[in-house]
Every structure is written in C-alpha cells, then in structure tokens.
Amino acid sequence: MKKSIVINEKPHKDLRNLSEEFNRPIGKFTEDMILFFKKTGQDPALINDKTPSQMIKVIDRRIVGFFKTQESEILYPLQVSLSESIEQNTSFFKDLIQNLNSIFGRVKEKDIELKNDLLKISESLEQLNSKLR
C-alpha cells in the first residue's frame, strides 16, 4: 500500500532533483534514503550544520574509539594471556629438559655398569676357558 508524505516545496524540489541525479523515481529514492539511514545509523539532522571535514573528524573519533575499545577489550587481554602461556610453556620445557637430562644421566650410568659387568663376565669366561684347556 502506497502512502503520501507532506513536505515543503523546497525540500520536494531538492528530492526530485536528487532522484533524477541518481536516476531513480522519487519513491524508490526515498526508500533507499530510509534504508541508508537505517543501516548507517546516521542522523540526517546532525549533518545539516557540519562540513565534510567536520564529519570526517566525527568519523575519525568513532574509528579511534573503536580501536581503543578493541585494544582494551580484546588485544590487551590476548597479550596478557599469551604472555602467561609463554611463561607456563617455558617453565614446563625447563622442567622437561631437567627430567630428561636426569633420565639420560641414569641411563648412561647403567650403560657403564653393564659394560663393566660384561667385561668382568668376559674376563671370567676367558679364565674358565683357559683352565679348561
């Protein structure tokens, strides 16, 4: 169902000129404007008094605010978490290296003991062999 909107003559003329400039019927152009303001969240009343450079400054402030929010809510906690994780991993790997060095040290000691035992057994076998001849 179509509805009518009552506006003053000057804005109506501007609307007609804009719709022609953008090559759309007035109704479609008005619908597109409504959708634009809905999606962007912009308030057309605030735009009237601002120059493009002032509007850019407003957008810049919004962007900077967005980045500061991201930094404080996401990036900084992520950095802290990452630092804690690195410290935990470093501690874990230091302990692991110490334990492995201890294990390898005991294996080396047992290896030396086994070699000595085998040498003694070999000497004993040679003595027995020489007695048997």
Foldseek 3Di string as FASTA:
>chain_A
DDDDDDDDPVVVVVLCVVCVVVVHPSVVVVVVVVVVCVVVVDDVVVVVVDDPVRVVVVVVVVVVVVVVCCCVPPVVVVVVVVVVVVVVVVVVVVVVVVVVVVVVVVVVVVVVVVVVVVVVVVVVVVVVVVVVD
